[in-house]
Amino acid sequence: MVPKEVKMPNILKYITLSILKVYQKVFTLFSYGSCRYYPTCSEYAKWQILYNGFIKACFYSLLRILRCNQLFSGGIDYPVVTKKFQNFFLTAPAYNSPDIKFWFVPKNIKSFYVVKAFK
């Protein structure tokens, strides 16, 4: 029985992210740079799981994996997520040089591209 404070989607999210992390570590030992897209399919799935619902993330990740073959040209394909932002100016803490990992670039009014921030 699952305790009330632990939700099932969070457990699935944690397990899936753990499997992806192990996959990325093991796969880089055997070959490097074999994905036709940037970000790689496993990184795309990780970003989808982090910023979309679990079912939606699995669906879009499966579509991406099916597109990763010789019939498609590949290239840059950032995940599109729907995210609700709070009013930044009313809730932002004092500026202390935050560690930014991802940028959310607007696609339309409700959707954003997830772009990794480089140092």
N, C-alpha and C. Protein backbone atom coordinates (compact mmCIF):
# COMPACT_ATOMS: atom_id res chain seq x y z
N MET A 1 0.83 -1.19 0.00
CA MET A 1 0.00 0.00 0.00
C MET A 1 0.88 1.25 0.00
N VAL A 2 0.53 2.23 -0.83
CA VAL A 2 1.30 3.46 -0.95
C VAL A 2 0.81 4.47 0.09
N PRO A 3 1.73 5.08 0.86
CA PRO A 3 1.30 6.11 1.82
C PRO A 3 0.61 7.27 1.11
N LYS A 4 -0.23 7.99 1.85
CA LYS A 4 -1.02 9.06 1.25
C LYS A 4 -0.16 10.20 0.73
N GLU A 5 0.98 10.48 1.39
CA GLU A 5 1.78 11.61 0.95
C GLU A 5 2.60 11.32 -0.31
N VAL A 6 2.73 10.05 -0.69
CA VAL A 6 3.46 9.69 -1.91
C VAL A 6 2.45 9.41 -3.00
N LYS A 7 2.49 10.18 -4.06
CA LYS A 7 1.56 9.99 -5.17
C LYS A 7 2.16 9.03 -6.18
N MET A 8 1.31 8.25 -6.84
CA MET A 8 1.77 7.25 -7.79
C MET A 8 2.51 7.86 -8.98
N PRO A 9 2.03 8.96 -9.59
CA PRO A 9 2.79 9.52 -10.71
C PRO A 9 4.20 9.95 -10.32
N ASN A 10 4.39 10.41 -9.08
CA ASN A 10 5.73 10.79 -8.65
C ASN A 10 6.65 9.58 -8.57
N ILE A 11 6.10 8.43 -8.16
CA ILE A 11 6.89 7.20 -8.12
C ILE A 11 7.27 6.78 -9.53
N LEU A 12 6.31 6.81 -10.46
CA LEU A 12 6.59 6.47 -11.86
C LEU A 12 7.61 7.43 -12.45
N LYS A 13 7.47 8.70 -12.14
CA LYS A 13 8.40 9.71 -12.62
C LYS A 13 9.81 9.43 -12.11
N TYR A 14 9.92 9.12 -10.82
CA TYR A 14 11.22 8.84 -10.22
C TYR A 14 11.86 7.59 -10.82
N ILE A 15 11.07 6.53 -10.97
CA ILE A 15 11.59 5.27 -11.53
C ILE A 15 12.03 5.48 -12.98
N THR A 16 11.22 6.17 -13.76
CA THR A 16 11.55 6.40 -15.17
C THR A 16 12.81 7.25 -15.31
N LEU A 17 12.92 8.31 -14.50
CA LEU A 17 14.12 9.15 -14.56
C LEU A 17 15.36 8.37 -14.12
N SER A 18 15.21 7.47 -13.15
CA SER A 18 16.34 6.64 -12.72
C SER A 18 16.78 5.69 -13.83
N ILE A 19 15.82 5.08 -14.51
CA ILE A 19 16.14 4.18 -15.62
C ILE A 19 16.83 4.95 -16.75
N LEU A 20 16.33 6.15 -17.05
CA LEU A 20 16.96 6.97 -18.09
C LEU A 20 18.39 7.36 -17.71
N LYS A 21 18.61 7.66 -16.45
CA LYS A 21 19.95 8.03 -16.00
C LYS A 21 20.92 6.86 -16.15
N VAL A 22 20.49 5.66 -15.76
CA VAL A 22 21.34 4.47 -15.92
C VAL A 22 21.57 4.20 -17.41
N TYR A 23 20.52 4.31 -18.22
CA TYR A 23 20.64 4.10 -19.67
C TYR A 23 21.66 5.07 -20.27
N GLN A 24 21.59 6.33 -19.89
CA GLN A 24 22.52 7.32 -20.44
C GLN A 24 23.96 7.03 -20.03
N LYS A 25 24.17 6.59 -18.80
CA LYS A 25 25.53 6.26 -18.34
C LYS A 25 26.07 5.04 -19.06
N VAL A 26 25.28 3.99 -19.20
CA VAL A 26 25.74 2.76 -19.84
C VAL A 26 25.89 2.95 -21.34
N PHE A 27 24.94 3.64 -21.97
CA PHE A 27 24.97 3.79 -23.42
C PHE A 27 26.17 4.59 -23.89
N THR A 28 26.61 5.58 -23.11
CA THR A 28 27.76 6.38 -23.52
C THR A 28 29.06 5.59 -23.46
N LEU A 29 29.07 4.47 -22.75
CA LEU A 29 30.26 3.63 -22.72
C LEU A 29 30.47 2.89 -24.04
N PHE A 30 29.39 2.56 -24.73
CA PHE A 30 29.48 1.74 -25.93
C PHE A 30 29.49 2.53 -27.24
N SER A 31 28.77 3.63 -27.31
CA SER A 31 28.79 4.45 -28.52
C SER A 31 28.49 5.89 -28.14
N TYR A 32 28.93 6.79 -28.97
CA TYR A 32 28.75 8.20 -28.68
C TYR A 32 28.20 8.90 -29.92
N GLY A 33 27.18 9.72 -29.74
CA GLY A 33 26.68 10.54 -30.83
C GLY A 33 25.88 9.78 -31.88
N SER A 34 25.11 8.79 -31.48
CA SER A 34 24.39 8.01 -32.48
C SER A 34 22.97 8.49 -32.71
N CYS A 35 22.51 9.48 -31.98
CA CYS A 35 21.15 9.98 -32.16
C CYS A 35 21.12 11.00 -33.30
N ARG A 36 20.05 11.00 -34.07
CA ARG A 36 19.92 11.90 -35.21
C ARG A 36 19.44 13.29 -34.80
N TYR A 37 19.01 13.44 -33.57
CA TYR A 37 18.43 14.69 -33.10
C TYR A 37 19.25 15.30 -31.98
N TYR A 38 19.08 16.60 -31.80
CA TYR A 38 19.55 17.26 -30.59
C TYR A 38 18.35 17.90 -29.92
N PRO A 39 18.13 17.71 -28.67
CA PRO A 39 18.81 16.83 -27.73
C PRO A 39 18.54 15.37 -28.08
N THR A 40 19.38 14.48 -27.53
CA THR A 40 19.22 13.06 -27.82
C THR A 40 17.84 12.59 -27.36
N CYS A 41 17.44 11.44 -27.85
CA CYS A 41 16.09 10.93 -27.52
C CYS A 41 15.92 10.69 -26.03
N SER A 42 16.98 10.21 -25.36
CA SER A 42 16.86 9.97 -23.92
C SER A 42 16.81 11.30 -23.16
N GLU A 43 17.55 12.29 -23.60
CA GLU A 43 17.49 13.61 -22.95
C GLU A 43 16.14 14.27 -23.21
N TYR A 44 15.61 14.10 -24.41
CA TYR A 44 14.28 14.60 -24.75
C TYR A 44 13.22 13.98 -23.83
N ALA A 45 13.31 12.66 -23.63
CA ALA A 45 12.36 11.97 -22.75
C ALA A 45 12.49 12.48 -21.32
N LYS A 46 13.71 12.71 -20.88
CA LYS A 46 13.94 13.22 -19.53
C LYS A 46 13.31 14.59 -19.35
N TRP A 47 13.50 15.47 -20.31
CA TRP A 47 12.93 16.82 -20.22
C TRP A 47 11.41 16.76 -20.27
N GLN A 48 10.86 15.88 -21.10
CA GLN A 48 9.41 15.74 -21.18
C GLN A 48 8.85 15.27 -19.83
N ILE A 49 9.50 14.29 -19.22
CA ILE A 49 9.01 13.77 -17.94
C ILE A 49 9.11 14.82 -16.84
N LEU A 50 10.16 15.63 -16.88
CA LEU A 50 10.32 16.66 -15.85
C LEU A 50 9.28 17.77 -15.96
N TYR A 51 8.88 18.14 -17.18
CA TYR A 51 8.06 19.33 -17.35
C TYR A 51 6.67 19.08 -17.91
N ASN A 52 6.31 17.86 -18.25
CA ASN A 52 4.97 17.51 -18.71
C ASN A 52 4.42 16.42 -17.81
N GLY A 53 3.16 16.10 -17.95
CA GLY A 53 2.59 14.98 -17.23
C GLY A 53 3.20 13.67 -17.70
N PHE A 54 3.14 12.64 -16.87
CA PHE A 54 3.82 11.39 -17.17
C PHE A 54 3.29 10.73 -18.44
N ILE A 55 1.98 10.65 -18.60
CA ILE A 55 1.38 10.00 -19.78
C ILE A 55 1.71 10.79 -21.04
N LYS A 56 1.55 12.10 -20.98
CA LYS A 56 1.85 12.96 -22.13
C LYS A 56 3.33 12.86 -22.50
N ALA A 57 4.19 12.82 -21.49
CA ALA A 57 5.64 12.71 -21.73
C ALA A 57 5.98 11.38 -22.39
N CYS A 58 5.37 10.29 -21.93
CA CYS A 58 5.63 8.98 -22.54
C CYS A 58 5.16 8.95 -23.99
N PHE A 59 4.01 9.55 -24.27
CA PHE A 59 3.49 9.59 -25.63
C PHE A 59 4.43 10.35 -26.57
N TYR A 60 4.84 11.57 -26.18
CA TYR A 60 5.72 12.37 -27.03
C TYR A 60 7.11 11.75 -27.15
N SER A 61 7.58 11.10 -26.09
CA SER A 61 8.88 10.45 -26.16
C SER A 61 8.84 9.25 -27.11
N LEU A 62 7.74 8.50 -27.09
CA LEU A 62 7.59 7.38 -28.01
C LEU A 62 7.55 7.87 -29.46
N LEU A 63 6.82 8.96 -29.71
CA LEU A 63 6.79 9.52 -31.07
C LEU A 63 8.19 9.95 -31.51
N ARG A 64 8.94 10.53 -30.61
CA ARG A 64 10.29 10.97 -30.94
C ARG A 64 11.18 9.78 -31.27
N ILE A 65 11.08 8.72 -30.49
CA ILE A 65 11.90 7.52 -30.74
C ILE A 65 11.52 6.89 -32.08
N LEU A 66 10.24 6.91 -32.43
CA LEU A 66 9.81 6.37 -33.72
C LEU A 66 10.32 7.22 -34.89
N ARG A 67 10.53 8.52 -34.67
CA ARG A 67 11.05 9.39 -35.72
C ARG A 67 12.57 9.30 -35.86
N CYS A 68 13.25 8.69 -34.92
CA CYS A 68 14.71 8.64 -34.92
C CYS A 68 15.19 7.47 -35.79
N ASN A 69 15.07 7.65 -37.11
CA ASN A 69 15.52 6.63 -38.06
C ASN A 69 15.94 7.31 -39.36
N GLN A 70 16.28 6.53 -40.37
CA GLN A 70 16.78 7.07 -41.63
C GLN A 70 15.72 7.77 -42.47
N LEU A 71 14.46 7.58 -42.18
CA LEU A 71 13.40 8.20 -42.97
C LEU A 71 13.20 9.68 -42.63
N PHE A 72 13.72 10.11 -41.50
CA PHE A 72 13.60 11.50 -41.08
C PHE A 72 14.98 12.12 -41.04
N SER A 73 15.04 13.41 -41.33
CA SER A 73 16.35 14.06 -41.46
C SER A 73 17.03 14.35 -40.13
N GLY A 74 16.31 14.38 -39.03
CA GLY A 74 16.92 14.69 -37.73
C GLY A 74 17.07 16.20 -37.57
N GLY A 75 17.98 16.61 -36.72
CA GLY A 75 18.22 18.03 -36.48
C GLY A 75 17.86 18.43 -35.05
N ILE A 76 17.57 19.68 -34.87
CA ILE A 76 17.23 20.20 -33.55
C ILE A 76 15.73 20.07 -33.35
N ASP A 77 15.34 19.42 -32.26
CA ASP A 77 13.93 19.19 -31.96
C ASP A 77 13.73 19.29 -30.45
N TYR A 78 13.50 20.51 -29.98
CA TYR A 78 13.31 20.71 -28.55
C TYR A 78 11.91 20.26 -28.14
N PRO A 79 11.77 19.74 -26.92
CA PRO A 79 10.44 19.36 -26.45
C PRO A 79 9.56 20.58 -26.22
N VAL A 80 8.28 20.43 -26.49
CA VAL A 80 7.30 21.49 -26.24
C VAL A 80 6.54 21.11 -24.99
N VAL A 81 6.48 22.03 -24.03
CA VAL A 81 5.79 21.76 -22.78
C VAL A 81 4.75 22.84 -22.54
N THR A 82 3.76 22.51 -21.73
CA THR A 82 2.81 23.51 -21.27
C THR A 82 3.14 23.77 -19.81
N LYS A 83 3.37 25.00 -19.49
CA LYS A 83 3.79 25.34 -18.14
C LYS A 83 3.12 26.63 -17.73
N LYS A 84 2.62 26.67 -16.52
CA LYS A 84 2.02 27.89 -15.99
C LYS A 84 3.04 28.58 -15.10
N PHE A 85 3.30 29.82 -15.40
CA PHE A 85 4.26 30.58 -14.63
C PHE A 85 3.54 31.51 -13.67
N GLN A 86 4.14 31.70 -12.51
CA GLN A 86 3.64 32.70 -11.58
C GLN A 86 4.12 34.06 -12.05
N ASN A 87 3.50 35.09 -11.53
CA ASN A 87 3.95 36.44 -11.86
C ASN A 87 5.34 36.63 -11.26
N PHE A 88 6.35 36.69 -12.10
CA PHE A 88 7.74 36.73 -11.66
C PHE A 88 8.04 37.96 -10.80
N PHE A 89 7.52 39.09 -11.20
CA PHE A 89 7.87 40.32 -10.51
C PHE A 89 7.25 40.41 -9.12
N LEU A 90 6.16 39.71 -8.89
CA LEU A 90 5.53 39.75 -7.57
C LEU A 90 6.07 38.68 -6.63
N THR A 91 6.59 37.58 -7.17
CA THR A 91 7.00 36.47 -6.31
C THR A 91 8.49 36.18 -6.36
N ALA A 92 9.28 36.89 -7.14
CA ALA A 92 10.69 36.58 -7.27
C ALA A 92 11.45 36.98 -6.01
N PRO A 93 12.36 36.11 -5.54
CA PRO A 93 13.21 36.49 -4.41
C PRO A 93 14.28 37.47 -4.88
N ALA A 94 15.07 37.95 -3.96
CA ALA A 94 16.14 38.87 -4.32
C ALA A 94 17.09 38.18 -5.30
N TYR A 95 17.61 38.92 -6.24
CA TYR A 95 18.46 38.36 -7.29
C TYR A 95 19.82 37.99 -6.70
N ASN A 96 20.13 36.70 -6.71
CA ASN A 96 21.41 36.20 -6.18
C ASN A 96 22.09 35.30 -7.20
N SER A 97 22.11 35.70 -8.46
CA SER A 97 22.72 34.92 -9.53
C SER A 97 22.23 33.47 -9.52
N PRO A 98 21.01 33.25 -9.95
CA PRO A 98 20.44 31.90 -9.90
C PRO A 98 21.15 30.95 -10.86
N ASP A 99 21.12 29.68 -10.53
CA ASP A 99 21.68 28.65 -11.38
C ASP A 99 20.60 28.22 -12.38
N ILE A 100 20.64 28.76 -13.58
CA ILE A 100 19.63 28.49 -14.59
C ILE A 100 20.03 27.24 -15.36
N LYS A 101 19.14 26.23 -15.38
CA LYS A 101 19.41 24.98 -16.10
C LYS A 101 18.71 24.93 -17.45
N PHE A 102 17.48 25.48 -17.52
CA PHE A 102 16.70 25.44 -18.75
C PHE A 102 16.05 26.80 -18.99
N TRP A 103 15.89 27.13 -20.27
CA TRP A 103 15.12 28.30 -20.68
C TRP A 103 13.82 27.81 -21.26
N PHE A 104 12.73 28.51 -21.00
CA PHE A 104 11.44 28.21 -21.58
C PHE A 104 11.15 29.28 -22.63
N VAL A 105 11.33 28.92 -23.90
CA VAL A 105 11.15 29.85 -25.01
C VAL A 105 9.71 29.72 -25.51
N PRO A 106 8.96 30.81 -25.55
CA PRO A 106 7.55 30.71 -25.96
C PRO A 106 7.38 30.22 -27.39
N LYS A 107 6.47 29.28 -27.58
CA LYS A 107 6.07 28.82 -28.90
C LYS A 107 4.78 29.51 -29.31
N ASN A 108 3.81 29.51 -28.41
CA ASN A 108 2.58 30.27 -28.57
C ASN A 108 2.14 30.69 -27.17
N ILE A 109 0.89 31.03 -26.99
CA ILE A 109 0.45 31.58 -25.71
C ILE A 109 0.59 30.57 -24.56
N LYS A 110 0.33 29.30 -24.81
CA LYS A 110 0.33 28.31 -23.74
C LYS A 110 1.46 27.30 -23.81
N SER A 111 2.26 27.28 -24.86
CA SER A 111 3.30 26.27 -25.04
C SER A 111 4.67 26.91 -25.08
N PHE A 112 5.66 26.15 -24.61
CA PHE A 112 7.03 26.63 -24.56
C PHE A 112 7.98 25.54 -25.05
N TYR A 113 9.09 25.94 -25.68
CA TYR A 113 10.18 25.03 -25.98
C TYR A 113 11.07 24.99 -24.74
N VAL A 114 11.61 23.81 -24.44
CA VAL A 114 12.58 23.68 -23.35
C VAL A 114 13.95 23.68 -23.99
N VAL A 115 14.78 24.66 -23.62
CA VAL A 115 16.12 24.78 -24.19
C VAL A 115 17.12 24.76 -23.05
N LYS A 116 18.12 23.90 -23.15
CA LYS A 116 19.12 23.78 -22.08
C LYS A 116 20.04 25.00 -22.10
N ALA A 117 20.32 25.52 -20.92
CA ALA A 117 21.21 26.68 -20.79
C ALA A 117 22.66 26.18 -20.75
N PHE A 118 23.51 26.77 -21.58
CA PHE A 118 24.92 26.42 -21.61
C PHE A 118 25.71 27.46 -20.87
N LYS A 119 26.79 27.05 -20.26
CA LYS A 119 27.63 27.99 -19.49
C LYS A 119 28.69 28.59 -20.34
